[in-house]
Protein backbone atom coordinates (compact mmCIF):
# COMPACT_ATOMS: atom_id res chain seq x y z
CA MET A 1 161.92 -144.17 -45.59
CA VAL A 2 158.74 -143.29 -43.98
CA ILE A 3 157.07 -140.20 -45.90
CA ASN A 4 155.43 -137.99 -43.42
CA GLN A 5 152.06 -137.08 -44.88
CA GLU A 6 151.82 -133.76 -43.21
CA HIS A 7 155.26 -132.77 -44.73
CA LEU A 8 154.04 -134.03 -48.04
CA GLU A 9 150.87 -131.76 -47.93
CA VAL A 10 152.91 -128.58 -46.94
CA LYS A 11 155.07 -129.12 -49.84
CA ILE A 12 152.16 -129.80 -52.14
CA GLU A 13 150.69 -126.48 -50.94
CA GLU A 14 153.83 -124.59 -51.33
CA LEU A 15 154.16 -125.65 -54.93
CA GLN A 16 150.77 -124.71 -55.45
CA ASN A 17 150.97 -121.17 -54.26
CA GLN A 18 154.21 -120.65 -56.18
CA THR A 19 152.21 -121.84 -59.23
CA THR A 20 149.60 -119.43 -58.63
CA ALA A 21 151.94 -116.65 -58.03
CA TYR A 22 153.81 -117.53 -61.44
CA VAL A 23 150.41 -117.50 -63.35
CA SER A 24 149.42 -113.94 -61.89
CA GLU A 25 152.79 -112.55 -62.45
CA ILE A 26 152.63 -114.01 -66.21
CA ARG A 27 148.95 -112.15 -66.32
CA GLN A 28 150.22 -109.05 -65.29
CA LEU A 29 153.02 -109.12 -67.73
CA ILE A 30 150.55 -109.78 -70.60
CA GLU A 31 148.26 -107.22 -69.81
CA GLY A 32 151.11 -104.87 -69.59
CA LEU A 33 152.08 -105.65 -73.15
CA SER A 34 150.69 -103.10 -75.82
CA ILE A 35 150.23 -104.74 -79.50
CA ALA A 36 150.49 -102.25 -81.98
CA PRO A 37 147.80 -102.17 -84.39
CA ASN A 38 148.64 -103.90 -87.36
CA ALA A 39 146.53 -103.43 -90.94
CA ASN A 40 147.50 -105.90 -93.41
CA VAL A 41 145.46 -107.59 -96.49
CA LEU A 42 146.12 -110.61 -98.44
CA SER A 43 144.50 -110.68 -101.80
CA TYR A 44 144.68 -113.43 -104.50
CA PHE A 45 142.78 -114.75 -107.34
CA THR A 46 141.16 -118.21 -107.81
CA ALA A 47 140.26 -119.06 -111.34
CA SER A 48 139.10 -121.97 -113.62
CA LEU A 49 140.13 -121.71 -117.57
CA ASN A 50 138.25 -123.19 -120.49
CA ILE A 51 140.60 -122.64 -123.41
CA SER A 52 139.24 -123.44 -126.92
CA HIS A 53 141.58 -124.36 -129.78
CA ASP A 54 138.57 -123.69 -132.31
CA THR A 55 138.95 -120.28 -133.59
CA GLU A 56 135.08 -119.96 -134.10
CA GLN A 57 134.75 -120.18 -130.16
CA GLU A 58 135.81 -118.02 -127.30
CA SER A 59 138.07 -119.16 -124.39
CA LEU A 60 136.79 -118.41 -121.06
CA CYS A 61 138.40 -117.63 -117.47
CA LEU A 62 135.94 -117.93 -114.61
CA GLY A 63 137.69 -116.33 -111.56
CA ASN A 64 137.15 -114.88 -107.89
CA TYR A 65 138.96 -112.07 -106.22
CA HIS A 66 139.36 -112.68 -102.44
CA ILE A 67 140.42 -110.17 -100.02
CA ARG A 68 141.14 -111.29 -96.50
CA ASN A 69 142.09 -109.20 -93.48
CA ILE A 70 145.45 -110.82 -91.75
CA GLY A 71 146.22 -107.86 -89.54
CA ASN A 72 144.83 -107.41 -85.92
CA GLU A 73 142.72 -104.62 -86.61
CA PRO A 74 139.39 -104.10 -88.88
CA LEU A 75 139.85 -103.07 -92.45
CA THR A 76 137.48 -99.88 -93.43
CA ASN A 77 136.22 -98.83 -96.83
CA ILE A 78 137.54 -101.62 -98.88
CA TYR A 79 137.81 -101.34 -102.56
CA PHE A 80 140.13 -103.00 -105.42
CA CYS A 81 140.81 -102.69 -108.91
CA ILE A 82 141.33 -105.38 -111.42
CA LYS A 83 143.36 -104.31 -114.62
CA LEU A 84 143.55 -105.65 -117.99
CA PRO A 85 146.57 -104.90 -120.23
CA GLU A 86 145.89 -101.97 -122.70
CA ASN A 87 144.71 -103.40 -126.18
CA SER A 88 144.53 -106.85 -124.72
CA PRO A 89 141.97 -109.25 -126.40
CA PHE A 90 140.12 -109.84 -123.17
CA THR A 91 136.62 -108.79 -122.23
CA PHE A 92 135.70 -108.64 -118.45
CA SER A 93 132.27 -109.02 -116.83
CA GLY A 94 131.00 -109.69 -113.33
CA GLN A 95 128.10 -109.11 -111.13
CA TYR A 96 128.21 -105.46 -110.29
CA VAL A 97 126.19 -102.48 -110.31
CA TYR A 98 126.72 -98.50 -110.92
CA GLU A 99 125.93 -95.78 -108.33
CA HIS A 100 123.05 -94.63 -110.54
CA PHE A 101 121.25 -97.87 -110.58
CA SER A 102 117.85 -98.22 -108.77
CA GLN A 103 117.90 -99.51 -105.11
CA ASN A 104 116.26 -102.35 -106.22
CA LEU A 105 119.07 -103.49 -108.35
CA LYS A 106 121.65 -102.63 -105.68
CA ASN A 107 119.98 -104.98 -103.16
CA SER A 108 120.46 -107.87 -105.40
CA ALA A 109 124.06 -107.10 -106.03
CA SER A 110 126.88 -107.22 -103.66
CA TRP A 111 129.52 -104.94 -105.42
CA GLU A 112 129.63 -101.53 -107.18
CA ARG A 113 131.72 -100.61 -110.05
CA MET A 114 133.16 -96.99 -109.01
CA ASN A 115 134.70 -96.06 -112.30
CA GLU A 116 133.12 -95.47 -116.02
CA ARG A 117 131.54 -98.15 -117.97
CA ALA A 118 133.65 -97.01 -120.97
CA ASN A 119 136.77 -98.19 -119.30
CA LYS A 120 137.42 -101.60 -120.45
CA GLU A 121 140.85 -101.83 -118.64
CA GLU A 122 140.29 -101.16 -114.91
CA PHE A 123 137.52 -102.24 -113.05
CA TRP A 124 137.26 -100.23 -109.65
CA LEU A 125 134.98 -102.16 -107.18
CA LYS A 126 133.73 -101.98 -103.80
CA PRO A 127 131.37 -104.03 -101.89
CA LEU A 128 127.73 -102.39 -101.28
CA ASN A 129 127.05 -103.96 -97.94
CA ILE A 130 130.19 -104.27 -96.15
CA MET A 131 131.78 -101.40 -94.47
CA SER A 132 134.80 -103.29 -92.63
CA ILE A 133 136.59 -106.54 -92.67
CA GLU A 134 137.46 -107.89 -89.44
CA PRO A 135 140.85 -109.85 -88.63
CA ASN A 136 140.87 -113.12 -90.17
CA GLU A 137 137.70 -112.38 -92.10
CA THR A 138 137.56 -112.79 -96.01
CA ILE A 139 135.22 -111.22 -98.67
CA ILE A 140 135.07 -112.56 -102.18
CA PHE A 141 134.08 -110.71 -105.69
CA PRO A 142 132.76 -114.26 -107.29
CA ASN A 143 132.56 -115.34 -110.75
CA PHE A 144 133.86 -112.48 -112.78
CA GLN A 145 134.54 -113.75 -116.45
CA LEU A 146 137.47 -113.10 -118.85
CA LYS A 147 136.58 -113.86 -122.45
CA TRP A 148 138.88 -113.89 -125.76
CA ALA A 149 139.04 -115.23 -129.29
CA ASN A 150 141.66 -117.58 -130.27
CA SER A 151 142.22 -115.84 -133.82
CA THR A 152 145.50 -113.99 -132.78
CA SER A 153 148.11 -114.57 -130.36
CA TYR A 154 148.03 -113.23 -126.90
CA ALA A 155 149.92 -112.80 -123.79
CA SER A 156 148.98 -110.63 -121.01
CA THR A 157 148.85 -110.32 -117.25
CA ILE A 158 145.47 -109.37 -115.06
CA THR A 159 146.44 -107.88 -111.87
CA GLY A 160 144.56 -106.85 -108.71
CA VAL A 161 145.24 -104.09 -106.09
CA THR A 162 143.43 -104.04 -102.85
CA TYR A 163 142.83 -100.54 -100.99
CA CYS A 164 141.36 -99.43 -97.60
CA ASP A 165 141.67 -96.48 -95.20
CA GLN A 166 144.47 -98.16 -93.51
CA LEU A 167 146.26 -98.99 -96.78
CA ASN A 168 145.63 -96.32 -99.27
CA GLU A 169 149.10 -97.00 -101.26
CA GLY A 170 147.25 -100.30 -102.02
CA VAL A 171 148.34 -103.91 -101.79
CA PRO A 172 148.82 -106.02 -104.99
CA ALA A 173 147.22 -109.44 -105.23
CA ILE A 174 149.69 -112.01 -104.45
CA ASN A 175 149.12 -114.15 -108.04
CA PRO A 176 148.24 -112.45 -111.25
CA ILE A 177 146.46 -114.04 -113.89
CA ASN A 178 148.78 -114.70 -116.71
CA LEU A 179 147.09 -115.82 -120.07
CA SER A 180 149.34 -116.51 -123.12
CA GLY A 181 148.84 -118.60 -126.37
CA SER A 182 149.47 -118.62 -130.04
CA GLY A 183 146.97 -117.55 -132.59
CA PHE A 184 145.46 -120.86 -134.44
CA ILE A 185 146.10 -121.04 -138.35
CA GLN A 186 143.79 -123.42 -139.81
CA GLU A 187 145.56 -125.13 -142.90
CA GLU A 188 143.44 -125.52 -145.93
CA GLU A 189 142.65 -129.17 -146.86
CA HIS A 190 144.45 -130.25 -150.05
CA GLU A 191 142.83 -133.07 -152.28
């Protein structure tokens, strides 16, 4: 069987033209699609614990709060709340400033606490220098600390909820921090 080279070249050119036409048609269809704006956020805690069994020492949770934009549009005016249970043994601290602090202190900090200092259960925080989070970007409130004494039993859940202009109902963190333990009683030694 003899293959005519000219016939083969014509077939190859037909296939190339057909492929080009298909690619052009697919591009037009894709350009015609309208992708609806989708605002979505994923927030979560990462934490490391140092639990002391000595009643004279405090236990410590060192944590970070992550906020990731998993939608396809920027999220604007981000803020969040970390909430401790009422009457819990935990004290919260972190690197943040208040609105009335001097500009020098604000420049060295990345986060501002939005609610009153006297509130020991809710910590409303917003980034100072970030107005929006682009899709697939993450911001982090780093190195907060929870401390507590081991003299009494405790069982508490620390929660987080993230808000922005697009999600004003708030989105809870996917993994609250659950801490529980029994009070440690030291027995007296008998001789």
